[in-house]
Every structure is written in C-alpha cells, then in structure tokens.
N, C-alpha and C. Protein backbone atom coordinates (compact mmCIF):
# COMPACT_ATOMS: atom_id res chain seq x y z
N UNK A 1 -11.34 -3.71 8.49
CA UNK A 1 -10.46 -4.91 8.11
C UNK A 1 -10.24 -5.53 6.48
N UNK A 2 -9.09 -5.95 6.09
CA UNK A 2 -9.50 -6.55 4.26
C UNK A 2 -8.99 -7.86 4.90
N UNK A 3 -10.44 -8.62 3.90
CA UNK A 3 -10.25 -9.65 3.77
C UNK A 3 -9.29 -10.73 3.43
N UNK A 4 -8.82 -11.27 4.20
CA UNK A 4 -7.93 -12.71 3.31
C UNK A 4 -8.47 -13.06 2.67
N UNK A 5 -7.01 -14.13 2.01
CA UNK A 5 -7.39 -14.89 0.59
C UNK A 5 -8.67 -16.32 0.61
N UNK A 6 -8.13 -16.73 1.73
CA UNK A 6 -9.17 -18.13 2.06
C UNK A 6 -10.38 -17.80 2.82
N UNK A 7 -10.59 -16.69 3.76
CA UNK A 7 -12.38 -16.04 4.06
C UNK A 7 -11.82 -14.91 3.99
N UNK A 8 -13.02 -14.89 5.63
CA UNK A 8 -13.15 -14.49 6.64
C UNK A 8 -12.64 -14.13 7.62
N UNK A 9 -11.50 -14.16 8.50
CA UNK A 9 -10.94 -14.05 9.43
C UNK A 9 -10.78 -12.52 9.94
N UNK A 10 -10.47 -11.91 11.01
CA UNK A 10 -11.11 -10.69 11.28
C UNK A 10 -9.39 -10.63 11.55
N UNK A 11 -9.00 -9.94 11.93
CA UNK A 11 -7.33 -9.29 12.53
C UNK A 11 -6.80 -9.82 13.75
N UNK A 12 -8.08 -9.95 14.36
CA UNK A 12 -8.09 -10.23 16.07
C UNK A 12 -7.92 -12.18 15.75
N UNK A 13 -8.97 -12.45 14.88
CA UNK A 13 -8.65 -13.78 14.61
C UNK A 13 -7.04 -14.35 14.32
N UNK A 14 -7.01 -14.04 12.95
CA UNK A 14 -5.24 -14.23 12.95
C UNK A 14 -4.06 -13.81 13.66
N UNK A 15 -3.95 -13.05 14.08
CA UNK A 15 -3.43 -12.50 14.92
C UNK A 15 -3.02 -13.48 15.98
N UNK A 16 -4.20 -14.20 17.08
CA UNK A 16 -4.22 -14.77 18.06
C UNK A 16 -4.60 -16.81 17.52
N UNK A 17 -3.72 -16.78 15.94
CA UNK A 17 -3.67 -18.01 15.59
C UNK A 17 -2.13 -17.97 16.56
N UNK A 18 -2.61 -20.10 16.34
CA UNK A 18 -1.15 -20.58 16.82
C UNK A 18 -0.19 -20.51 15.72
N UNK A 19 -0.66 -20.45 14.82
CA UNK A 19 0.45 -19.97 13.58
C UNK A 19 1.32 -18.04 13.85
N UNK A 20 2.62 -18.30 13.37
CA UNK A 20 3.07 -16.89 13.64
C UNK A 20 2.79 -16.04 12.68
N UNK A 21 2.43 -14.18 12.77
CA UNK A 21 2.32 -13.79 11.48
C UNK A 21 2.91 -12.99 12.11
N UNK A 22 3.49 -12.33 10.57
CA UNK A 22 3.97 -11.04 10.56
C UNK A 22 3.23 -10.60 9.63
N UNK A 23 3.31 -9.54 10.94
CA UNK A 23 2.12 -7.81 9.97
C UNK A 23 3.18 -6.42 10.05
N UNK A 24 2.82 -6.47 8.60
CA UNK A 24 3.33 -5.46 7.84
C UNK A 24 2.30 -4.09 7.69
N UNK A 25 2.08 -3.12 8.74
CA UNK A 25 2.14 -1.88 8.63
C UNK A 25 2.45 -0.87 7.53
N UNK A 26 0.94 -0.37 6.92
CA UNK A 26 1.60 0.32 5.58
C UNK A 26 1.44 1.44 5.46
N UNK A 27 1.56 1.67 4.36
CA UNK A 27 0.72 3.39 4.03
C UNK A 27 0.88 3.27 2.18
N UNK A 28 -0.06 3.77 1.49
CA UNK A 28 0.35 3.35 -0.19
C UNK A 28 0.66 4.18 -0.89
N UNK A 29 1.01 5.81 0.59
CA UNK A 29 1.78 6.70 -0.26
C UNK A 29 3.72 6.94 0.73
N UNK A 30 3.63 4.98 0.81
CA UNK A 30 5.20 5.11 1.79
C UNK A 30 6.28 4.94 0.45
N UNK A 31 6.63 4.79 0.31
CA UNK A 31 8.56 4.88 -0.29
C UNK A 31 8.73 3.64 0.39
N UNK A 32 8.89 3.20 1.53
CA UNK A 32 9.98 2.43 1.87
C UNK A 32 9.09 1.11 1.86
N UNK A 33 7.56 1.56 2.02
CA UNK A 33 6.64 0.00 2.01
C UNK A 33 6.79 -0.55 1.24
N UNK A 34 7.03 0.38 -0.14
CA UNK A 34 6.65 -0.66 -1.91
C UNK A 34 7.72 -0.99 -1.68
N UNK A 35 9.02 -1.16 -1.11
CA UNK A 35 9.58 -1.88 -1.14
C UNK A 35 9.40 -3.21 -0.07
N UNK A 36 9.23 -3.10 0.48
CA UNK A 36 8.93 -3.68 1.50
C UNK A 36 8.02 -5.23 0.97
N UNK A 37 7.56 -4.94 -0.55
CA UNK A 37 6.78 -6.40 -0.57
C UNK A 37 7.30 -6.93 -1.31
N UNK A 38 8.31 -6.81 -1.88
CA UNK A 38 8.64 -8.19 -2.89
C UNK A 38 10.13 -8.89 -1.42
N UNK A 39 10.50 -7.94 -0.77
CA UNK A 39 11.20 -9.17 0.45
C UNK A 39 10.37 -9.34 1.40
N UNK A 40 9.06 -9.19 1.08
CA UNK A 40 8.06 -10.17 2.22
C UNK A 40 7.53 -10.86 1.28
N UNK A 41 7.40 -11.03 -0.07
CA UNK A 41 7.54 -11.66 -0.83
C UNK A 41 8.21 -13.08 -0.62
N UNK A 42 9.60 -12.77 -0.95
CA UNK A 42 10.61 -13.43 -0.92
C UNK A 42 10.56 -14.02 0.35
N UNK A 43 10.06 -13.75 1.40
CA UNK A 43 9.99 -14.34 2.72
C UNK A 43 9.46 -15.39 3.48
N UNK A 44 8.50 -15.35 2.79
CA UNK A 44 7.33 -16.36 2.25
C UNK A 44 7.41 -16.74 1.76
N UNK A 45 8.26 -16.75 0.42
CA UNK A 45 8.63 -17.82 -0.29
C UNK A 45 9.59 -19.00 1.32
N UNK A 46 10.94 -18.37 0.81
CA UNK A 46 11.62 -19.15 2.66
C UNK A 46 11.31 -19.83 3.70
N UNK A 47 10.31 -18.84 3.85
CA UNK A 47 9.65 -20.10 5.17
C UNK A 47 8.00 -20.25 5.12
N UNK A 48 7.08 -20.40 4.11
CA UNK A 48 6.61 -21.16 3.41
C UNK A 48 5.15 -21.10 4.70
N UNK A 49 5.27 -22.28 4.75
CA UNK A 49 3.73 -22.60 5.52
C UNK A 49 3.90 -21.81 7.36
N UNK A 50 5.00 -21.57 7.82
CA UNK A 50 5.66 -21.28 9.35
C UNK A 50 4.90 -20.39 9.53
N UNK A 51 4.94 -19.70 8.82
CA UNK A 51 4.63 -17.80 9.16
C UNK A 51 3.46 -17.62 8.38
N UNK A 52 2.32 -17.04 8.32
CA UNK A 52 1.20 -15.90 7.97
C UNK A 52 1.66 -14.70 8.02
N UNK A 53 1.74 -13.72 7.33
CA UNK A 53 2.62 -12.52 6.25
C UNK A 53 1.41 -11.84 5.37
N UNK A 54 0.36 -10.94 6.82
CA UNK A 54 -0.55 -9.86 5.86
C UNK A 54 0.52 -8.71 6.29
N UNK A 55 -0.67 -7.72 5.39
CA UNK A 55 -0.58 -6.19 4.98
C UNK A 55 -1.35 -5.87 5.58
N UNK A 56 -1.35 -4.35 6.42
CA UNK A 56 -2.35 -3.82 6.67
C UNK A 56 -1.97 -1.87 6.66
N UNK A 57 -2.96 -1.37 5.76
CA UNK A 57 -3.46 -0.24 5.48
C UNK A 57 -3.48 0.86 6.78
N UNK A 58 -2.33 1.11 7.55
CA UNK A 58 -2.80 1.90 8.81
C UNK A 58 -3.49 3.70 8.67
N UNK A 59 -3.46 3.77 7.75
CA UNK A 59 -4.67 4.76 7.62
C UNK A 59 -6.26 4.43 7.86
N UNK A 60 -6.23 2.77 6.58
CA UNK A 60 -7.46 2.61 6.91
C UNK A 60 -7.85 2.01 8.32
N UNK A 61 -7.14 1.39 8.49
CA UNK A 61 -7.53 0.82 10.31
C UNK A 61 -6.40 1.47 10.97
N UNK A 62 -6.49 2.71 11.55
CA UNK A 62 -6.14 3.59 12.45
C UNK A 62 -6.19 2.90 13.93
N UNK A 63 -7.07 2.72 13.92
CA UNK A 63 -7.41 1.97 15.45
C UNK A 63 -6.57 0.51 15.74
N UNK A 64 -5.85 0.17 14.77
CA UNK A 64 -5.40 -1.11 14.85
C UNK A 64 -3.67 -0.37 15.34
N UNK A 65 -3.20 0.68 14.14
CA UNK A 65 -1.82 0.66 14.03
C UNK A 65 -2.16 1.78 16.13
N UNK A 66 -3.01 2.30 16.53
CA UNK A 66 -2.74 2.96 17.18
C UNK A 66 -2.83 2.52 18.83
N UNK A 67 -3.35 0.35 18.25
CA UNK A 67 -3.41 -0.08 19.53
C UNK A 67 -1.81 -1.04 19.71
N UNK A 68 -1.40 -0.85 18.42
CA UNK A 68 0.12 -1.36 18.29
C UNK A 68 1.07 -0.41 18.70
N UNK A 69 0.77 0.77 18.13
CA UNK A 69 1.90 1.66 18.49
C UNK A 69 1.93 1.97 17.48
N UNK A 70 1.78 1.90 16.24
CA UNK A 70 2.56 1.93 14.92
C UNK A 70 2.46 3.49 14.89
N UNK A 71 4.43 4.54 15.15
CA UNK A 71 4.37 5.65 15.19
C UNK A 71 4.87 5.94 13.60
N UNK A 72 5.38 5.12 12.66
CA UNK A 72 6.33 4.93 11.73
C UNK A 72 5.52 3.85 10.17
N UNK A 73 5.94 4.11 9.06
CA UNK A 73 5.57 2.98 8.36
C UNK A 73 6.73 3.33 7.97
N UNK A 74 6.36 2.06 6.64
CA UNK A 74 6.35 0.74 7.04
C UNK A 74 6.93 0.47 9.38
N UNK A 75 5.77 -0.52 9.42
CA UNK A 75 6.28 -1.00 10.92
C UNK A 75 6.06 -2.61 10.86
N UNK A 76 6.52 -3.17 11.24
CA UNK A 76 6.76 -5.33 11.36
C UNK A 76 6.41 -5.42 12.75
N UNK A 77 5.01 -6.11 12.79
CA UNK A 77 5.48 -6.90 13.93
C UNK A 77 5.21 -8.27 14.03
N UNK A 78 5.51 -9.06 14.60
CA UNK A 78 5.67 -11.27 14.85
C UNK A 78 4.89 -10.82 15.91
N UNK A 79 3.45 -11.35 15.20
CA UNK A 79 2.53 -12.33 16.81
C UNK A 79 2.53 -13.38 16.80
N UNK A 80 2.27 -14.58 17.48
CA UNK A 80 2.69 -15.04 18.09
C UNK A 80 1.20 -15.94 18.95
N UNK A 81 0.10 -16.31 19.53
CA UNK A 81 -1.03 -16.46 19.85
C UNK A 81 -1.37 -14.98 20.84
N UNK A 82 -1.53 -14.43 20.04
CA UNK A 82 -2.01 -12.94 20.00
C UNK A 82 -1.39 -12.28 20.87
N UNK A 83 0.16 -12.52 21.43
CA UNK A 83 1.31 -12.11 21.99
C UNK A 83 1.90 -10.64 20.92
N UNK A 84 3.35 -10.28 20.80
CA UNK A 84 4.35 -9.54 20.18
C UNK A 84 5.19 -10.29 20.11
N UNK A 85 6.04 -10.63 19.82
CA UNK A 85 7.15 -11.15 20.35
C UNK A 85 8.61 -9.97 19.69
N UNK A 86 8.24 -9.66 18.22
CA UNK A 86 9.15 -8.51 17.99
C UNK A 86 7.96 -7.11 17.52
N UNK A 87 8.55 -6.10 18.07
CA UNK A 87 8.44 -5.45 16.32
C UNK A 87 9.16 -3.96 15.89
N UNK A 88 9.39 -4.12 15.11
CA UNK A 88 9.99 -2.45 14.02
C UNK A 88 9.68 -2.08 13.22
N UNK A 89 9.96 -0.81 12.74
CA UNK A 89 9.76 0.28 11.98
C UNK A 89 11.39 0.00 11.25
N UNK A 90 10.73 0.07 10.03
CA UNK A 90 12.10 0.89 8.91
C UNK A 90 11.68 -0.95 8.35
N UNK A 91 12.73 -0.73 6.68
CA UNK A 91 13.06 -1.50 6.33
C UNK A 91 13.39 -2.46 6.48
N UNK A 92 13.37 -4.27 6.25
CA UNK A 92 14.48 -5.03 7.06
C UNK A 92 14.35 -5.82 5.65
N UNK A 93 16.07 -6.80 5.59
CA UNK A 93 15.87 -7.45 3.89
C UNK A 93 15.21 -8.95 5.27
N UNK A 94 14.65 -9.57 3.78
CA UNK A 94 13.73 -10.81 3.35
C UNK A 94 14.87 -11.84 4.74
N UNK A 95 16.98 -11.32 4.78
CA UNK A 95 17.46 -13.49 5.20
C UNK A 95 17.64 -12.77 6.76
N UNK A 96 17.71 -11.35 7.27
CA UNK A 96 17.72 -10.67 8.59
C UNK A 96 16.53 -11.10 9.49
N UNK A 97 15.06 -10.69 8.39
CA UNK A 97 13.49 -11.05 9.20
C UNK A 97 13.70 -12.68 8.85
N UNK A 98 14.25 -13.39 8.29
CA UNK A 98 13.97 -14.49 8.36
C UNK A 98 14.72 -15.31 10.41
N UNK A 99 15.93 -15.01 10.27
CA UNK A 99 16.83 -14.92 11.13
C UNK A 99 15.60 -14.58 12.57
N UNK A 100 15.12 -12.83 12.73
CA UNK A 100 14.76 -12.74 13.81
C UNK A 100 13.89 -13.25 13.91
N UNK A 101 12.92 -14.54 13.31
CA UNK A 101 11.47 -14.68 13.57
C UNK A 101 12.27 -15.88 13.54
N UNK A 102 13.04 -16.77 13.43
CA UNK A 102 13.47 -17.97 13.75
C UNK A 102 13.37 -17.72 15.56
N UNK A 103 14.67 -16.43 15.36
CA UNK A 103 14.95 -16.58 16.86
C UNK A 103 14.31 -16.33 18.17
N UNK A 104 12.76 -15.20 17.28
CA UNK A 104 11.68 -15.40 18.32
C UNK A 104 10.95 -16.62 18.28
N UNK A 105 10.95 -17.20 17.60
CA UNK A 105 10.02 -18.08 17.48
C UNK A 105 11.20 -19.74 17.96
N UNK A 106 12.20 -19.15 18.19
CA UNK A 106 13.30 -20.99 18.88
C UNK A 106 12.92 -21.93 18.39
N UNK A 107 13.41 -21.06 16.52
CA UNK A 107 13.16 -22.91 15.21
C UNK A 107 14.73 -22.16 15.04
N UNK A 108 14.79 -22.64 13.88
CA UNK A 108 16.68 -23.08 13.61
C UNK A 108 15.84 -22.47 11.70
C-alpha cells in the first residue's frame, strides 16, 4: 500500500474512516486510467474536504483488487465507514461523479 501524503495510514484505515473515500483502482498501462487523473483532480477541487480520493495500482495491490472484485481498470469504488456505497468500472466525468457521490451520501 502506498503511503498517503500526510502519514502512513493503511488502506483499511483509510476506507474505514468517517470521511467518504473514492478509490481509483488503476494500472500504469491503462489509457482510460490516465484520462481519469485530471477528472479526479477536478472532482477534488469541487468537493474539497468532503471526500478523500486515493489511487491504488490494481497490479501492485492485487489482494485488494481481488477482495473488491475489480475485474477491469479503471474501477472506482466509493467507501464510507468501510462499506461500499457505489462501484463502477470505466471513466466517469467529474460532474457525474460528484452527483453520484452526493446522492450516495445523501448530501446536496
């Protein structure tokens, strides 16, 4: 598990926190995964501290990818309190992601 910028929390620590977490399972060779990078940066700007966004290399973290049934990359999974609220493979635009996240979290 790669270290987060602020400290060395584990993947499980992060997804079990109170703050919602959007996990992007990706692979370095994946073209659509590269397209998702700027989209997630845009989403983070829009949502700020409401959400954590982390990227997980599905090949280097195969156990996590298998555990969460990641069959293709990119796969996005929204966690809150360790529970999966939403999961989808493929590229999703920032405004659509924000709408889905707000809907799943019951916020406007």
